[in-house]
Amino acid sequence: MKVLVVDDHHLIREGMRPVLAKLAAAGEAVEVLDAATFGEARAYLERHADVELVLLDLRLPDASGLDALDELQRSHPDVPVVLMSGEDDAANVRAALEHGALGYIPKSSSPPVVLHALRLVLAGGIYVPPEILRADRAPAPRAAGARTADVARLGLTPRQVEVLALLAAGRSNKEICRELRLSEGTVKTHLAAIFKALGVANRVQAVIAAGRMGIKA
């Protein structure tokens, strides 16, 4: 497995190596490539078509993380990208997800949290820091009322609300299947109905919509 870490701080790049090493399955190894600029990252990706994950700093000396993310979406749409940042406010998280990131990891996160987030993304899920989701929701009494009204307006079934809640919690399709004891085909059918009801095109947009509605697992 090959992972590219893009960050202008040497200590961050080196500090990620022992964490990323634990992503390896039995009998495999993780090769970590590191770049201090987005220009270096581009060059690596041109030479290494087998990169399976990119960890991208939100602030780079030669590009903003969001601009870099947009370019990666165009040039390497099949490579999952996770944003890393010392800034952990909800607006940055929403912007990263809206630009196509599959996760947002604050640099203050502990190694076990980072490992959990990356495993979730590699399994097909989306990682959003729980504290950001909580901060981005309305206060509890109003959130509950808003959720009831929104669900009624959208016409989501109780099962679809459960699927959406698990999606908002970052679960992959396989994890949703296991938790709700549904087939993968049934989960995909529910997701298609949810996307249509919410007026969104993908999982990331659905997660953002669910957070605004106060829906959680």
N, C-alpha and C. Protein backbone atom coordinates (compact mmCIF):
# COMPACT_ATOMS: atom_id res chain seq x y z
N MET A 1 0.84 -1.19 0.00
CA MET A 1 0.00 0.00 0.00
C MET A 1 0.88 1.24 0.00
N LYS A 2 0.52 2.24 -0.80
CA LYS A 2 1.33 3.44 -0.93
C LYS A 2 0.50 4.67 -0.54
N VAL A 3 1.03 5.48 0.38
CA VAL A 3 0.34 6.66 0.89
C VAL A 3 1.22 7.89 0.68
N LEU A 4 0.61 8.98 0.23
CA LEU A 4 1.34 10.24 0.04
C LEU A 4 0.91 11.24 1.10
N VAL A 5 1.88 11.75 1.86
CA VAL A 5 1.62 12.77 2.88
C VAL A 5 2.14 14.11 2.36
N VAL A 6 1.26 15.09 2.27
CA VAL A 6 1.63 16.41 1.73
C VAL A 6 1.50 17.44 2.84
N ASP A 7 2.64 17.89 3.36
CA ASP A 7 2.65 18.86 4.47
C ASP A 7 3.99 19.54 4.49
N ASP A 8 4.00 20.86 4.72
CA ASP A 8 5.27 21.59 4.69
C ASP A 8 6.05 21.48 5.99
N HIS A 9 5.50 20.80 6.99
CA HIS A 9 6.22 20.63 8.25
C HIS A 9 6.85 19.23 8.31
N HIS A 10 8.16 19.21 8.41
CA HIS A 10 8.90 17.94 8.43
C HIS A 10 8.44 17.04 9.57
N LEU A 11 8.21 17.63 10.74
CA LEU A 11 7.82 16.82 11.90
C LEU A 11 6.48 16.13 11.68
N ILE A 12 5.56 16.79 11.00
CA ILE A 12 4.27 16.17 10.71
C ILE A 12 4.46 15.00 9.76
N ARG A 13 5.25 15.20 8.71
CA ARG A 13 5.47 14.13 7.74
C ARG A 13 6.12 12.92 8.40
N GLU A 14 7.13 13.17 9.20
CA GLU A 14 7.81 12.05 9.87
C GLU A 14 6.93 11.42 10.94
N GLY A 15 6.16 12.26 11.64
CA GLY A 15 5.30 11.74 12.70
C GLY A 15 4.19 10.85 12.19
N MET A 16 3.80 11.01 10.92
CA MET A 16 2.75 10.18 10.36
C MET A 16 3.24 8.79 10.00
N ARG A 17 4.52 8.61 9.82
CA ARG A 17 5.04 7.32 9.34
C ARG A 17 4.68 6.14 10.25
N PRO A 18 4.94 6.23 11.57
CA PRO A 18 4.59 5.08 12.42
C PRO A 18 3.09 4.82 12.50
N VAL A 19 2.30 5.88 12.36
CA VAL A 19 0.83 5.69 12.36
C VAL A 19 0.41 4.98 11.08
N LEU A 20 0.92 5.45 9.95
CA LEU A 20 0.54 4.86 8.66
C LEU A 20 1.02 3.43 8.53
N ALA A 21 2.12 3.10 9.19
CA ALA A 21 2.63 1.73 9.13
C ALA A 21 1.61 0.73 9.66
N LYS A 22 0.76 1.19 10.59
CA LYS A 22 -0.24 0.31 11.19
C LYS A 22 -1.45 0.06 10.29
N LEU A 23 -1.50 0.78 9.16
CA LEU A 23 -2.60 0.55 8.21
C LEU A 23 -2.40 -0.75 7.44
N ALA A 24 -1.20 -1.27 7.45
CA ALA A 24 -0.89 -2.44 6.64
C ALA A 24 -1.65 -3.67 7.11
N ALA A 25 -2.14 -4.45 6.14
CA ALA A 25 -2.75 -5.73 6.45
C ALA A 25 -1.63 -6.74 6.71
N ALA A 26 -2.00 -7.90 7.25
CA ALA A 26 -1.00 -8.93 7.55
C ALA A 26 -0.21 -9.29 6.30
N GLY A 27 1.11 -9.30 6.43
CA GLY A 27 1.95 -9.68 5.32
C GLY A 27 2.20 -8.57 4.31
N GLU A 28 1.66 -7.39 4.57
CA GLU A 28 1.85 -6.27 3.65
C GLU A 28 2.66 -5.17 4.33
N ALA A 29 3.04 -4.19 3.55
CA ALA A 29 3.78 -3.05 4.09
C ALA A 29 3.18 -1.77 3.53
N VAL A 30 3.37 -0.68 4.25
CA VAL A 30 2.92 0.63 3.80
C VAL A 30 4.14 1.45 3.40
N GLU A 31 4.15 1.90 2.15
CA GLU A 31 5.21 2.78 1.68
C GLU A 31 4.70 4.21 1.78
N VAL A 32 5.41 5.04 2.51
CA VAL A 32 5.00 6.43 2.72
C VAL A 32 5.86 7.36 1.87
N LEU A 33 5.20 8.10 0.99
CA LEU A 33 5.86 9.15 0.23
C LEU A 33 5.52 10.47 0.90
N ASP A 34 6.44 11.42 0.92
CA ASP A 34 6.11 12.70 1.54
C ASP A 34 6.56 13.85 0.67
N ALA A 35 5.73 14.90 0.67
CA ALA A 35 5.99 16.09 -0.13
C ALA A 35 5.77 17.32 0.74
N ALA A 36 6.63 18.32 0.57
CA ALA A 36 6.52 19.55 1.36
C ALA A 36 5.68 20.60 0.65
N THR A 37 5.46 20.40 -0.66
CA THR A 37 4.66 21.36 -1.44
C THR A 37 3.70 20.59 -2.34
N PHE A 38 2.72 21.31 -2.86
CA PHE A 38 1.79 20.66 -3.78
C PHE A 38 2.47 20.33 -5.11
N GLY A 39 3.44 21.15 -5.49
CA GLY A 39 4.20 20.87 -6.70
C GLY A 39 4.91 19.53 -6.60
N GLU A 40 5.53 19.26 -5.44
CA GLU A 40 6.18 17.96 -5.22
C GLU A 40 5.16 16.84 -5.24
N ALA A 41 3.99 17.11 -4.66
CA ALA A 41 2.94 16.09 -4.63
C ALA A 41 2.50 15.71 -6.04
N ARG A 42 2.34 16.72 -6.90
CA ARG A 42 1.96 16.46 -8.29
C ARG A 42 2.99 15.54 -8.96
N ALA A 43 4.25 15.85 -8.75
CA ALA A 43 5.32 15.05 -9.36
C ALA A 43 5.28 13.61 -8.87
N TYR A 44 5.07 13.43 -7.57
CA TYR A 44 4.97 12.07 -7.03
C TYR A 44 3.81 11.31 -7.67
N LEU A 45 2.66 11.95 -7.79
CA LEU A 45 1.49 11.27 -8.33
C LEU A 45 1.67 10.92 -9.81
N GLU A 46 2.45 11.72 -10.52
CA GLU A 46 2.72 11.39 -11.92
C GLU A 46 3.62 10.16 -12.02
N ARG A 47 4.53 10.01 -11.05
CA ARG A 47 5.47 8.88 -11.09
C ARG A 47 4.92 7.63 -10.41
N HIS A 48 3.96 7.83 -9.49
CA HIS A 48 3.44 6.69 -8.71
C HIS A 48 1.93 6.60 -8.91
N ALA A 49 1.53 5.87 -9.93
CA ALA A 49 0.10 5.74 -10.24
C ALA A 49 -0.62 4.85 -9.25
N ASP A 50 0.14 4.17 -8.38
CA ASP A 50 -0.46 3.23 -7.44
C ASP A 50 -0.66 3.81 -6.05
N VAL A 51 -0.57 5.14 -5.90
CA VAL A 51 -0.87 5.76 -4.60
C VAL A 51 -2.34 5.50 -4.27
N GLU A 52 -2.61 5.00 -3.07
CA GLU A 52 -3.98 4.63 -2.68
C GLU A 52 -4.64 5.62 -1.73
N LEU A 53 -3.86 6.57 -1.20
CA LEU A 53 -4.41 7.53 -0.25
C LEU A 53 -3.51 8.75 -0.19
N VAL A 54 -4.13 9.93 -0.15
CA VAL A 54 -3.38 11.18 -0.02
C VAL A 54 -3.83 11.89 1.24
N LEU A 55 -2.87 12.28 2.08
CA LEU A 55 -3.15 13.11 3.26
C LEU A 55 -2.63 14.50 2.92
N LEU A 56 -3.53 15.47 2.91
CA LEU A 56 -3.22 16.80 2.38
C LEU A 56 -3.41 17.87 3.44
N ASP A 57 -2.36 18.66 3.66
CA ASP A 57 -2.45 19.78 4.60
C ASP A 57 -3.35 20.87 4.02
N LEU A 58 -4.12 21.50 4.88
CA LEU A 58 -5.02 22.56 4.42
C LEU A 58 -4.25 23.81 3.99
N ARG A 59 -3.08 24.04 4.58
CA ARG A 59 -2.28 25.23 4.26
C ARG A 59 -0.92 24.78 3.72
N LEU A 60 -0.69 25.04 2.44
CA LEU A 60 0.58 24.69 1.81
C LEU A 60 1.25 25.97 1.28
N PRO A 61 2.57 25.99 1.16
CA PRO A 61 3.24 27.22 0.73
C PRO A 61 2.94 27.62 -0.71
N ASP A 62 2.56 26.64 -1.56
CA ASP A 62 2.35 26.97 -2.96
C ASP A 62 0.91 26.76 -3.43
N ALA A 63 -0.01 26.46 -2.50
CA ALA A 63 -1.42 26.28 -2.88
C ALA A 63 -2.26 26.17 -1.62
N SER A 64 -3.51 26.62 -1.71
CA SER A 64 -4.42 26.37 -0.59
C SER A 64 -4.86 24.92 -0.67
N GLY A 65 -5.17 24.34 0.47
CA GLY A 65 -5.58 22.94 0.48
C GLY A 65 -6.80 22.69 -0.37
N LEU A 66 -7.74 23.64 -0.40
CA LEU A 66 -8.97 23.45 -1.17
C LEU A 66 -8.70 23.52 -2.67
N ASP A 67 -7.80 24.43 -3.09
CA ASP A 67 -7.43 24.48 -4.51
C ASP A 67 -6.71 23.20 -4.91
N ALA A 68 -5.82 22.73 -4.04
CA ALA A 68 -5.10 21.49 -4.31
C ALA A 68 -6.07 20.32 -4.38
N LEU A 69 -7.04 20.33 -3.48
CA LEU A 69 -8.05 19.27 -3.46
C LEU A 69 -8.86 19.27 -4.76
N ASP A 70 -9.25 20.45 -5.22
CA ASP A 70 -9.98 20.55 -6.49
C ASP A 70 -9.17 19.97 -7.64
N GLU A 71 -7.88 20.28 -7.66
CA GLU A 71 -7.04 19.76 -8.75
C GLU A 71 -6.92 18.24 -8.67
N LEU A 72 -6.78 17.71 -7.46
CA LEU A 72 -6.68 16.25 -7.30
C LEU A 72 -7.97 15.57 -7.72
N GLN A 73 -9.11 16.22 -7.47
CA GLN A 73 -10.39 15.65 -7.89
C GLN A 73 -10.46 15.54 -9.41
N ARG A 74 -9.86 16.51 -10.09
CA ARG A 74 -9.87 16.49 -11.56
C ARG A 74 -8.84 15.51 -12.12
N SER A 75 -7.64 15.51 -11.55
CA SER A 75 -6.55 14.73 -12.13
C SER A 75 -6.48 13.29 -11.63
N HIS A 76 -6.92 13.06 -10.39
CA HIS A 76 -6.86 11.71 -9.80
C HIS A 76 -8.15 11.43 -9.02
N PRO A 77 -9.27 11.37 -9.72
CA PRO A 77 -10.57 11.25 -9.05
C PRO A 77 -10.76 9.97 -8.24
N ASP A 78 -9.98 8.94 -8.53
CA ASP A 78 -10.16 7.66 -7.84
C ASP A 78 -9.30 7.54 -6.58
N VAL A 79 -8.46 8.54 -6.30
CA VAL A 79 -7.59 8.48 -5.12
C VAL A 79 -8.25 9.23 -3.97
N PRO A 80 -8.57 8.53 -2.88
CA PRO A 80 -9.20 9.23 -1.74
C PRO A 80 -8.24 10.24 -1.11
N VAL A 81 -8.78 11.40 -0.76
CA VAL A 81 -7.98 12.46 -0.15
C VAL A 81 -8.57 12.81 1.21
N VAL A 82 -7.70 12.89 2.21
CA VAL A 82 -8.10 13.29 3.55
C VAL A 82 -7.36 14.58 3.89
N LEU A 83 -8.10 15.60 4.32
CA LEU A 83 -7.49 16.87 4.71
C LEU A 83 -6.98 16.79 6.15
N MET A 84 -5.82 17.36 6.41
CA MET A 84 -5.29 17.50 7.76
C MET A 84 -5.10 18.99 8.02
N SER A 85 -5.38 19.41 9.24
CA SER A 85 -5.25 20.83 9.53
C SER A 85 -5.11 21.09 11.02
N GLY A 86 -4.42 22.17 11.33
CA GLY A 86 -4.36 22.64 12.71
C GLY A 86 -5.60 23.41 13.08
N GLU A 87 -6.45 23.71 12.08
CA GLU A 87 -7.70 24.43 12.31
C GLU A 87 -8.84 23.42 12.35
N ASP A 88 -9.65 23.49 13.39
CA ASP A 88 -10.69 22.46 13.53
C ASP A 88 -12.10 23.07 13.64
N ASP A 89 -12.33 24.17 12.91
CA ASP A 89 -13.67 24.76 12.98
C ASP A 89 -14.57 24.12 11.94
N ALA A 90 -15.87 24.18 12.19
CA ALA A 90 -16.85 23.50 11.36
C ALA A 90 -16.87 24.01 9.92
N ALA A 91 -16.62 25.30 9.72
CA ALA A 91 -16.65 25.86 8.37
C ALA A 91 -15.59 25.22 7.48
N ASN A 92 -14.39 25.01 8.03
CA ASN A 92 -13.32 24.36 7.26
C ASN A 92 -13.68 22.92 6.93
N VAL A 93 -14.29 22.23 7.88
CA VAL A 93 -14.68 20.83 7.65
C VAL A 93 -15.71 20.77 6.53
N ARG A 94 -16.74 21.61 6.61
CA ARG A 94 -17.78 21.62 5.57
C ARG A 94 -17.17 21.91 4.20
N ALA A 95 -16.27 22.91 4.15
CA ALA A 95 -15.66 23.28 2.88
C ALA A 95 -14.85 22.12 2.30
N ALA A 96 -14.10 21.44 3.16
CA ALA A 96 -13.29 20.31 2.70
C ALA A 96 -14.16 19.20 2.13
N LEU A 97 -15.25 18.87 2.81
CA LEU A 97 -16.14 17.82 2.33
C LEU A 97 -16.84 18.23 1.04
N GLU A 98 -17.24 19.49 0.97
CA GLU A 98 -17.91 19.97 -0.24
C GLU A 98 -16.98 19.96 -1.45
N HIS A 99 -15.67 20.07 -1.21
CA HIS A 99 -14.70 20.04 -2.30
C HIS A 99 -14.24 18.61 -2.61
N GLY A 100 -14.79 17.63 -1.92
CA GLY A 100 -14.50 16.24 -2.28
C GLY A 100 -13.62 15.46 -1.34
N ALA A 101 -13.16 16.05 -0.24
CA ALA A 101 -12.38 15.28 0.72
C ALA A 101 -13.25 14.19 1.34
N LEU A 102 -12.65 13.06 1.64
CA LEU A 102 -13.38 11.97 2.28
C LEU A 102 -13.14 11.93 3.78
N GLY A 103 -12.43 12.91 4.28
CA GLY A 103 -12.20 12.99 5.71
C GLY A 103 -11.49 14.28 6.06
N TYR A 104 -11.58 14.66 7.33
CA TYR A 104 -10.93 15.86 7.84
C TYR A 104 -10.38 15.51 9.21
N ILE A 105 -9.07 15.56 9.36
CA ILE A 105 -8.43 15.16 10.61
C ILE A 105 -7.70 16.36 11.23
N PRO A 106 -8.14 16.83 12.39
CA PRO A 106 -7.38 17.88 13.08
C PRO A 106 -6.01 17.34 13.49
N LYS A 107 -4.98 18.17 13.38
CA LYS A 107 -3.64 17.72 13.71
C LYS A 107 -3.47 17.44 15.21
N SER A 108 -4.42 17.89 15.99
CA SER A 108 -4.37 17.62 17.43
C SER A 108 -4.88 16.21 17.76
N SER A 109 -5.38 15.48 16.77
CA SER A 109 -5.94 14.15 17.01
C SER A 109 -4.86 13.18 17.46
N SER A 110 -5.25 12.24 18.32
CA SER A 110 -4.31 11.22 18.79
C SER A 110 -4.06 10.18 17.69
N PRO A 111 -2.94 9.46 17.75
CA PRO A 111 -2.66 8.43 16.73
C PRO A 111 -3.79 7.41 16.58
N PRO A 112 -4.42 6.91 17.66
CA PRO A 112 -5.52 5.97 17.46
C PRO A 112 -6.69 6.58 16.69
N VAL A 113 -6.99 7.86 16.92
CA VAL A 113 -8.07 8.53 16.20
C VAL A 113 -7.71 8.67 14.73
N VAL A 114 -6.47 9.05 14.45
CA VAL A 114 -6.02 9.17 13.06
C VAL A 114 -6.13 7.82 12.35
N LEU A 115 -5.69 6.77 13.02
CA LEU A 115 -5.74 5.44 12.44
C LEU A 115 -7.17 5.01 12.16
N HIS A 116 -8.06 5.27 13.11
CA HIS A 116 -9.48 4.95 12.92
C HIS A 116 -10.04 5.71 11.72
N ALA A 117 -9.72 6.99 11.62
CA ALA A 117 -10.24 7.81 10.53
C ALA A 117 -9.77 7.29 9.18
N LEU A 118 -8.50 6.96 9.07
CA LEU A 118 -7.96 6.49 7.79
C LEU A 118 -8.51 5.12 7.42
N ARG A 119 -8.66 4.25 8.39
CA ARG A 119 -9.26 2.94 8.10
C ARG A 119 -10.69 3.08 7.63
N LEU A 120 -11.40 4.02 8.22
CA LEU A 120 -12.79 4.26 7.82
C LEU A 120 -12.85 4.74 6.37
N VAL A 121 -11.99 5.68 6.00
CA VAL A 121 -11.97 6.20 4.64
C VAL A 121 -11.59 5.09 3.65
N LEU A 122 -10.59 4.29 3.99
CA LEU A 122 -10.16 3.22 3.09
C LEU A 122 -11.24 2.15 2.94
N ALA A 123 -12.13 2.06 3.92
CA ALA A 123 -13.23 1.09 3.84
C ALA A 123 -14.43 1.65 3.08
N GLY A 124 -14.32 2.90 2.63
CA GLY A 124 -15.40 3.49 1.85
C GLY A 124 -16.26 4.47 2.61
N GLY A 125 -15.89 4.77 3.87
CA GLY A 125 -16.66 5.70 4.68
C GLY A 125 -16.14 7.12 4.57
N ILE A 126 -16.73 8.01 5.36
CA ILE A 126 -16.33 9.41 5.41
C ILE A 126 -16.07 9.76 6.87
N TYR A 127 -14.91 10.36 7.16
CA TYR A 127 -14.60 10.70 8.54
C TYR A 127 -14.80 12.19 8.79
N VAL A 128 -15.65 12.49 9.76
CA VAL A 128 -15.86 13.85 10.24
C VAL A 128 -15.62 13.84 11.74
N PRO A 129 -14.77 14.70 12.27
CA PRO A 129 -14.51 14.72 13.72
C PRO A 129 -15.81 14.87 14.50
N PRO A 130 -16.09 14.00 15.46
CA PRO A 130 -17.35 14.06 16.21
C PRO A 130 -17.59 15.41 16.86
N GLU A 131 -16.53 16.04 17.36
CA GLU A 131 -16.72 17.33 18.03
C GLU A 131 -17.16 18.41 17.05
N ILE A 132 -16.77 18.27 15.79
CA ILE A 132 -17.20 19.24 14.78
C ILE A 132 -18.67 19.05 14.46
N LEU A 133 -19.09 17.80 14.33
CA LEU A 133 -20.50 17.52 14.08
C LEU A 133 -21.37 18.07 15.21
N ARG A 134 -20.91 17.88 16.46
CA ARG A 134 -21.70 18.38 17.60
C ARG A 134 -21.76 19.90 17.58
N ALA A 135 -20.64 20.54 17.29
CA ALA A 135 -20.61 22.00 17.29
C ALA A 135 -21.44 22.59 16.17
N ASP A 136 -21.59 21.83 15.08
CA ASP A 136 -22.29 22.36 13.90
C ASP A 136 -23.80 22.17 13.97
N ARG A 137 -24.26 21.45 15.00
CA ARG A 137 -25.70 21.20 15.10
C ARG A 137 -26.37 22.30 15.92
N ALA A 138 -27.66 22.41 15.72
CA ALA A 138 -28.45 23.34 16.54
C ALA A 138 -28.54 22.79 17.95
N PRO A 139 -28.88 23.63 18.94
CA PRO A 139 -29.06 23.14 20.30
C PRO A 139 -30.08 22.00 20.33
N ALA A 140 -29.91 21.08 21.25
CA ALA A 140 -30.68 19.84 21.28
C ALA A 140 -32.20 20.01 21.18
N PRO A 141 -32.84 20.89 21.98
CA PRO A 141 -34.30 20.97 21.90
C PRO A 141 -34.78 21.36 20.51
N ARG A 142 -34.09 22.30 19.85
CA ARG A 142 -34.52 22.73 18.52
C ARG A 142 -34.14 21.70 17.47
N ALA A 143 -33.00 21.01 17.65
CA ALA A 143 -32.55 20.03 16.66
C ALA A 143 -33.56 18.91 16.53
N ALA A 144 -34.09 18.46 17.67
CA ALA A 144 -35.05 17.35 17.61
C ALA A 144 -36.29 17.76 16.83
N GLY A 145 -36.78 18.98 17.08
CA GLY A 145 -37.95 19.44 16.34
C GLY A 145 -37.65 19.62 14.87
N ALA A 146 -36.46 20.15 14.58
CA ALA A 146 -36.09 20.36 13.18
C ALA A 146 -35.97 19.02 12.47
N ARG A 147 -35.44 18.01 13.16
CA ARG A 147 -35.29 16.72 12.52
C ARG A 147 -36.64 16.12 12.18
N THR A 148 -37.58 16.20 13.11
CA THR A 148 -38.91 15.65 12.87
C THR A 148 -39.58 16.34 11.70
N ALA A 149 -39.48 17.65 11.65
CA ALA A 149 -40.11 18.40 10.58
C ALA A 149 -39.46 18.10 9.24
N ASP A 150 -38.13 18.04 9.23
CA ASP A 150 -37.42 17.80 7.98
C ASP A 150 -37.68 16.40 7.45
N VAL A 151 -37.68 15.41 8.36
CA VAL A 151 -37.92 14.04 7.93
C VAL A 151 -39.32 13.90 7.37
N ALA A 152 -40.29 14.53 8.03
CA ALA A 152 -41.66 14.47 7.54
C ALA A 152 -41.77 15.14 6.17
N ARG A 153 -41.10 16.28 6.03
CA ARG A 153 -41.17 17.00 4.76
C ARG A 153 -40.52 16.22 3.63
N LEU A 154 -39.41 15.54 3.94
CA LEU A 154 -38.69 14.81 2.91
C LEU A 154 -39.33 13.48 2.56
N GLY A 155 -40.17 12.97 3.46
CA GLY A 155 -40.82 11.70 3.19
C GLY A 155 -39.92 10.50 3.37
N LEU A 156 -38.86 10.63 4.19
CA LEU A 156 -37.98 9.50 4.45
C LEU A 156 -38.67 8.47 5.34
N THR A 157 -38.47 7.20 5.05
CA THR A 157 -39.01 6.15 5.90
C THR A 157 -38.14 6.01 7.15
N PRO A 158 -38.65 5.38 8.21
CA PRO A 158 -37.83 5.17 9.41
C PRO A 158 -36.52 4.45 9.10
N ARG A 159 -36.57 3.47 8.20
CA ARG A 159 -35.36 2.73 7.85
C ARG A 159 -34.36 3.65 7.12
N GLN A 160 -34.87 4.51 6.26
CA GLN A 160 -33.99 5.43 5.54
C GLN A 160 -33.35 6.44 6.48
N VAL A 161 -34.09 6.84 7.52
CA VAL A 161 -33.51 7.73 8.53
C VAL A 161 -32.38 7.02 9.26
N GLU A 162 -32.55 5.74 9.56
CA GLU A 162 -31.49 4.96 10.21
C GLU A 162 -30.26 4.88 9.32
N VAL A 163 -30.48 4.61 8.03
CA VAL A 163 -29.36 4.54 7.09
C VAL A 163 -28.64 5.89 7.01
N LEU A 164 -29.40 6.98 6.94
CA LEU A 164 -28.81 8.31 6.86
C LEU A 164 -28.03 8.63 8.13
N ALA A 165 -28.56 8.24 9.28
CA ALA A 165 -27.86 8.50 10.55
C ALA A 165 -26.52 7.78 10.58
N LEU A 166 -26.50 6.53 10.12
CA LEU A 166 -25.24 5.77 10.11
C LEU A 166 -24.27 6.36 9.09
N LEU A 167 -24.81 6.83 7.98
CA LEU A 167 -23.97 7.49 6.97
C LEU A 167 -23.34 8.74 7.57
N ALA A 168 -24.15 9.51 8.32
CA ALA A 168 -23.65 10.73 8.95
C ALA A 168 -22.59 10.43 10.00
N ALA A 169 -22.66 9.21 10.58
CA ALA A 169 -21.67 8.80 11.58
C ALA A 169 -20.40 8.26 10.93
N GLY A 170 -20.37 8.28 9.59
CA GLY A 170 -19.17 7.87 8.88
C GLY A 170 -19.09 6.41 8.54
N ARG A 171 -20.21 5.67 8.68
CA ARG A 171 -20.17 4.24 8.39
C ARG A 171 -20.09 3.98 6.89
N SER A 172 -19.35 2.94 6.52
CA SER A 172 -19.30 2.52 5.12
C SER A 172 -20.54 1.69 4.81
N ASN A 173 -20.77 1.39 3.54
CA ASN A 173 -21.93 0.58 3.16
C ASN A 173 -21.91 -0.78 3.86
N LYS A 174 -20.74 -1.40 3.92
CA LYS A 174 -20.64 -2.71 4.56
C LYS A 174 -20.99 -2.65 6.04
N GLU A 175 -20.55 -1.57 6.70
CA GLU A 175 -20.86 -1.42 8.12
C GLU A 175 -22.36 -1.19 8.33
N ILE A 176 -22.98 -0.42 7.44
CA ILE A 176 -24.43 -0.19 7.53
C ILE A 176 -25.16 -1.52 7.33
N CYS A 177 -24.71 -2.31 6.38
CA CYS A 177 -25.30 -3.64 6.15
C CYS A 177 -25.26 -4.47 7.42
N ARG A 178 -24.10 -4.49 8.08
CA ARG A 178 -23.95 -5.32 9.29
C ARG A 178 -24.83 -4.79 10.42
N GLU A 179 -24.83 -3.48 10.63
CA GLU A 179 -25.58 -2.92 11.76
C GLU A 179 -27.08 -3.08 11.61
N LEU A 180 -27.57 -2.91 10.38
CA LEU A 180 -29.03 -2.97 10.15
C LEU A 180 -29.48 -4.33 9.60
N ARG A 181 -28.49 -5.22 9.38
CA ARG A 181 -28.79 -6.55 8.84
C ARG A 181 -29.54 -6.47 7.51
N LEU A 182 -28.97 -5.67 6.62
CA LEU A 182 -29.54 -5.49 5.29
C LEU A 182 -28.53 -5.96 4.25
N SER A 183 -29.02 -6.30 3.08
CA SER A 183 -28.12 -6.65 1.99
C SER A 183 -27.51 -5.38 1.42
N GLU A 184 -26.38 -5.52 0.72
CA GLU A 184 -25.73 -4.35 0.15
C GLU A 184 -26.62 -3.68 -0.90
N GLY A 185 -27.37 -4.50 -1.65
CA GLY A 185 -28.27 -3.95 -2.65
C GLY A 185 -29.36 -3.11 -2.03
N THR A 186 -29.88 -3.57 -0.87
CA THR A 186 -30.93 -2.82 -0.19
C THR A 186 -30.40 -1.49 0.34
N VAL A 187 -29.18 -1.51 0.87
CA VAL A 187 -28.57 -0.28 1.38
C VAL A 187 -28.37 0.72 0.23
N LYS A 188 -27.91 0.24 -0.91
CA LYS A 188 -27.71 1.12 -2.07
C LYS A 188 -29.04 1.72 -2.54
N THR A 189 -30.10 0.91 -2.47
CA THR A 189 -31.43 1.41 -2.85
C THR A 189 -31.88 2.52 -1.90
N HIS A 190 -31.66 2.29 -0.59
CA HIS A 190 -32.02 3.31 0.40
C HIS A 190 -31.20 4.59 0.18
N LEU A 191 -29.91 4.43 -0.11
CA LEU A 191 -29.06 5.61 -0.32
C LEU A 191 -29.51 6.41 -1.53
N ALA A 192 -29.89 5.71 -2.59
CA ALA A 192 -30.37 6.41 -3.78
C ALA A 192 -31.61 7.22 -3.46
N ALA A 193 -32.52 6.63 -2.66
CA ALA A 193 -33.74 7.33 -2.28
C ALA A 193 -33.43 8.53 -1.38
N ILE A 194 -32.45 8.35 -0.49
CA ILE A 194 -32.05 9.44 0.41
C ILE A 194 -31.44 10.59 -0.37
N PHE A 195 -30.54 10.27 -1.30
CA PHE A 195 -29.91 11.32 -2.11
C PHE A 195 -30.97 12.11 -2.86
N LYS A 196 -31.95 11.39 -3.42
CA LYS A 196 -33.00 12.06 -4.19
C LYS A 196 -33.84 12.95 -3.29
N ALA A 197 -34.19 12.45 -2.09
CA ALA A 197 -35.01 13.24 -1.17
C ALA A 197 -34.28 14.49 -0.69
N LEU A 198 -32.97 14.35 -0.47
CA LEU A 198 -32.19 15.49 0.02
C LEU A 198 -31.77 16.43 -1.10
N GLY A 199 -31.90 15.97 -2.35
CA GLY A 199 -31.46 16.78 -3.47
C GLY A 199 -29.95 16.89 -3.56
N VAL A 200 -29.25 15.78 -3.21
CA VAL A 200 -27.79 15.76 -3.25
C VAL A 200 -27.31 14.71 -4.23
N ALA A 201 -26.02 14.77 -4.57
CA ALA A 201 -25.49 13.86 -5.58
C ALA A 201 -24.58 12.78 -5.03
N ASN A 202 -24.14 12.93 -3.78
CA ASN A 202 -23.18 11.94 -3.26
C ASN A 202 -23.23 11.86 -1.74
N ARG A 203 -22.41 10.95 -1.20
CA ARG A 203 -22.39 10.68 0.24
C ARG A 203 -21.94 11.90 1.04
N VAL A 204 -20.94 12.60 0.53
CA VAL A 204 -20.41 13.76 1.26
C VAL A 204 -21.49 14.81 1.45
N GLN A 205 -22.22 15.12 0.39
CA GLN A 205 -23.29 16.11 0.48
C GLN A 205 -24.40 15.63 1.40
N ALA A 206 -24.67 14.32 1.40
CA ALA A 206 -25.70 13.77 2.29
C ALA A 206 -25.27 13.90 3.75
N VAL A 207 -24.00 13.68 4.03
CA VAL A 207 -23.49 13.82 5.41
C VAL A 207 -23.64 15.26 5.89
N ILE A 208 -23.32 16.21 5.03
CA ILE A 208 -23.46 17.62 5.39
C ILE A 208 -24.92 17.96 5.67
N ALA A 209 -25.82 17.47 4.80
CA ALA A 209 -27.25 17.73 4.97
C ALA A 209 -27.77 17.13 6.27
N ALA A 210 -27.33 15.90 6.57
CA ALA A 210 -27.76 15.24 7.79
C ALA A 210 -27.30 16.01 9.03
N GLY A 211 -26.05 16.52 8.99
CA GLY A 211 -25.54 17.28 10.12
C GLY A 211 -26.36 18.54 10.36
N ARG A 212 -26.76 19.20 9.29
CA ARG A 212 -27.56 20.42 9.43
C ARG A 212 -28.95 20.13 9.96
N MET A 213 -29.44 18.92 9.69
CA MET A 213 -30.77 18.54 10.16
C MET A 213 -30.74 17.99 11.58
N GLY A 214 -29.53 17.76 12.11
CA GLY A 214 -29.43 17.21 13.46
C GLY A 214 -29.60 15.72 13.52
N ILE A 215 -29.49 15.02 12.39
CA ILE A 215 -29.64 13.57 12.37
C ILE A 215 -28.31 12.94 12.76
N LYS A 216 -28.38 12.04 13.71
CA LYS A 216 -27.17 11.34 14.16
C LYS A 216 -27.52 9.94 14.59
N ALA A 217 -26.49 9.07 14.61
CA ALA A 217 -26.71 7.67 15.01
C ALA A 217 -26.92 7.59 16.51
